[in-house]
Amino acid sequence: MQTISLPQIERDYHDGEALPKSADHCYNAKELVVHPATVVILAKKKISSKTREQMLAEIDEVIAHLDLYNEDSKH
């Protein structure tokens, strides 16, 4: 996943085009993999303020999904 392009990870994994259909409760677990992989892909680019903002936004999403994942696992 870390070797694909940014447009490809956005299309295939953020939007779920390459992933099989799964139960709703699997969504947050998938996001815990996809967002960090996106940060790695972004880190390979020339770091600009825009890239840094994108990386921080991806990390914020990981934290949000981690919180949701923890809530889901309590049920």
C-alpha atoms as a PDB file:
ATOM      1  CA  MET A   1       0.000   0.000   0.000  1.00  0.00           C
ATOM      2  CA  GLN A   2       2.884   2.359   0.740  1.00  0.00           C
ATOM      3  CA  THR A   3       4.186   2.106  -2.817  1.00  0.00           C
ATOM      4  CA  ILE A   4       1.042   3.203  -4.649  1.00  0.00           C
ATOM      5  CA  SER A   5       0.300   6.756  -5.733  1.00  0.00           C
ATOM      6  CA  LEU A   6      -1.694   9.278  -3.741  1.00  0.00           C
ATOM      7  CA  PRO A   7      -4.557   9.317  -6.304  1.00  0.00           C
ATOM      8  CA  GLN A   8      -4.652   5.519  -6.254  1.00  0.00           C
ATOM      9  CA  ILE A   9      -4.867   5.215  -2.454  1.00  0.00           C
ATOM     10  CA  GLU A  10      -7.562   7.910  -2.418  1.00  0.00           C
ATOM     11  CA  ARG A  11      -9.627   6.136  -5.076  1.00  0.00           C
ATOM     12  CA  ASP A  12      -9.023   2.513  -4.160  1.00  0.00           C
ATOM     13  CA  TYR A  13      -8.840   2.631  -0.383  1.00  0.00           C
ATOM     14  CA  HIS A  14     -10.282   5.889   0.964  1.00  0.00           C
ATOM     15  CA  ASP A  15     -13.252   5.532  -1.369  1.00  0.00           C
ATOM     16  CA  GLY A  16     -13.198   1.734  -1.020  1.00  0.00           C
ATOM     17  CA  GLU A  17     -13.151   0.852  -4.711  1.00  0.00           C
ATOM     18  CA  ALA A  18     -10.529  -1.915  -4.271  1.00  0.00           C
ATOM     19  CA  LEU A  19     -11.936  -3.333  -1.077  1.00  0.00           C
ATOM     20  CA  PRO A  20     -14.545  -6.064  -0.800  1.00  0.00           C
ATOM     21  CA  LYS A  21     -17.849  -5.156   0.784  1.00  0.00           C
ATOM     22  CA  SER A  22     -17.736  -5.696   4.522  1.00  0.00           C
ATOM     23  CA  ALA A  23     -19.805  -5.195   7.620  1.00  0.00           C
ATOM     24  CA  ASP A  24     -20.133  -1.624   8.868  1.00  0.00           C
ATOM     25  CA  HIS A  25     -18.150  -2.389  12.016  1.00  0.00           C
ATOM     26  CA  CYS A  26     -15.074  -3.187   9.850  1.00  0.00           C
ATOM     27  CA  TYR A  27     -14.969   0.346   8.461  1.00  0.00           C
ATOM     28  CA  ASN A  28     -13.073   1.961  11.349  1.00  0.00           C
ATOM     29  CA  ALA A  29     -10.506  -0.853  11.461  1.00  0.00           C
ATOM     30  CA  LYS A  30      -9.805  -0.375   7.733  1.00  0.00           C
ATOM     31  CA  GLU A  31      -9.304   3.337   8.288  1.00  0.00           C
ATOM     32  CA  LEU A  32      -6.642   2.592  10.931  1.00  0.00           C
ATOM     33  CA  VAL A  33      -4.537   1.111   8.113  1.00  0.00           C
ATOM     34  CA  VAL A  34      -5.446   3.389   5.200  1.00  0.00           C
ATOM     35  CA  HIS A  35      -4.751   6.767   6.821  1.00  0.00           C
ATOM     36  CA  PRO A  36      -1.254   5.897   8.125  1.00  0.00           C
ATOM     37  CA  ALA A  37      -0.372   4.453   4.700  1.00  0.00           C
ATOM     38  CA  THR A  38      -1.507   7.735   3.159  1.00  0.00           C
ATOM     39  CA  VAL A  39       0.832   9.632   5.502  1.00  0.00           C
ATOM     40  CA  VAL A  40       3.740   7.455   4.327  1.00  0.00           C
ATOM     41  CA  ILE A  41       2.861   8.178   0.682  1.00  0.00           C
ATOM     42  CA  LEU A  42       2.628  11.905   1.417  1.00  0.00           C
ATOM     43  CA  ALA A  43       5.979  11.810   3.245  1.00  0.00           C
ATOM     44  CA  LYS A  44       7.648  10.624   0.043  1.00  0.00           C
ATOM     45  CA  LYS A  45       6.629  13.852  -1.681  1.00  0.00           C
ATOM     46  CA  LYS A  46       8.468  17.134  -1.348  1.00  0.00           C
ATOM     47  CA  ILE A  47       7.220  18.402   1.999  1.00  0.00           C
ATOM     48  CA  SER A  48       5.379  21.673   1.626  1.00  0.00           C
ATOM     49  CA  SER A  49       2.979  23.399   3.971  1.00  0.00           C
ATOM     50  CA  LYS A  50       0.096  21.869   1.977  1.00  0.00           C
ATOM     51  CA  THR A  51       1.576  18.369   2.252  1.00  0.00           C
ATOM     52  CA  ARG A  52       2.183  18.853   5.971  1.00  0.00           C
ATOM     53  CA  GLU A  53      -1.446  19.934   6.428  1.00  0.00           C
ATOM     54  CA  GLN A  54      -2.622  16.849   4.516  1.00  0.00           C
ATOM     55  CA  MET A  55      -0.469  14.621   6.721  1.00  0.00           C
ATOM     56  CA  LEU A  56      -1.835  16.197   9.894  1.00  0.00           C
ATOM     57  CA  ALA A  57      -5.387  15.794   8.611  1.00  0.00           C
ATOM     58  CA  GLU A  58      -4.736  12.090   7.949  1.00  0.00           C
ATOM     59  CA  ILE A  59      -3.368  11.659  11.484  1.00  0.00           C
ATOM     60  CA  ASP A  60      -6.404  13.464  12.916  1.00  0.00           C
ATOM     61  CA  GLU A  61      -8.617  11.024  11.006  1.00  0.00           C
ATOM     62  CA  VAL A  62      -6.709   8.056  12.438  1.00  0.00           C
ATOM     63  CA  ILE A  63      -7.316   9.369  15.945  1.00  0.00           C
ATOM     64  CA  ALA A  64     -11.011   9.907  15.227  1.00  0.00           C
ATOM     65  CA  HIS A  65     -11.382   6.401  13.797  1.00  0.00           C
ATOM     66  CA  LEU A  66      -9.451   4.937  16.714  1.00  0.00           C
ATOM     67  CA  ASP A  67     -11.935   6.540  19.092  1.00  0.00           C
ATOM     68  CA  LEU A  68     -14.837   5.144  17.030  1.00  0.00           C
ATOM     69  CA  TYR A  69     -13.164   1.728  16.826  1.00  0.00           C
ATOM     70  CA  ASN A  70     -12.802   1.680  20.610  1.00  0.00           C
ATOM     71  CA  GLU A  71     -16.467   2.593  20.998  1.00  0.00           C
ATOM     72  CA  ASP A  72     -17.512  -0.135  18.539  1.00  0.00           C
ATOM     73  CA  SER A  73     -15.450  -2.764  20.364  1.00  0.00           C
ATOM     74  CA  LYS A  74     -17.277  -2.060  23.633  1.00  0.00           C
ATOM     75  CA  HIS A  75     -20.554  -3.282  22.118  1.00  0.00           C
END
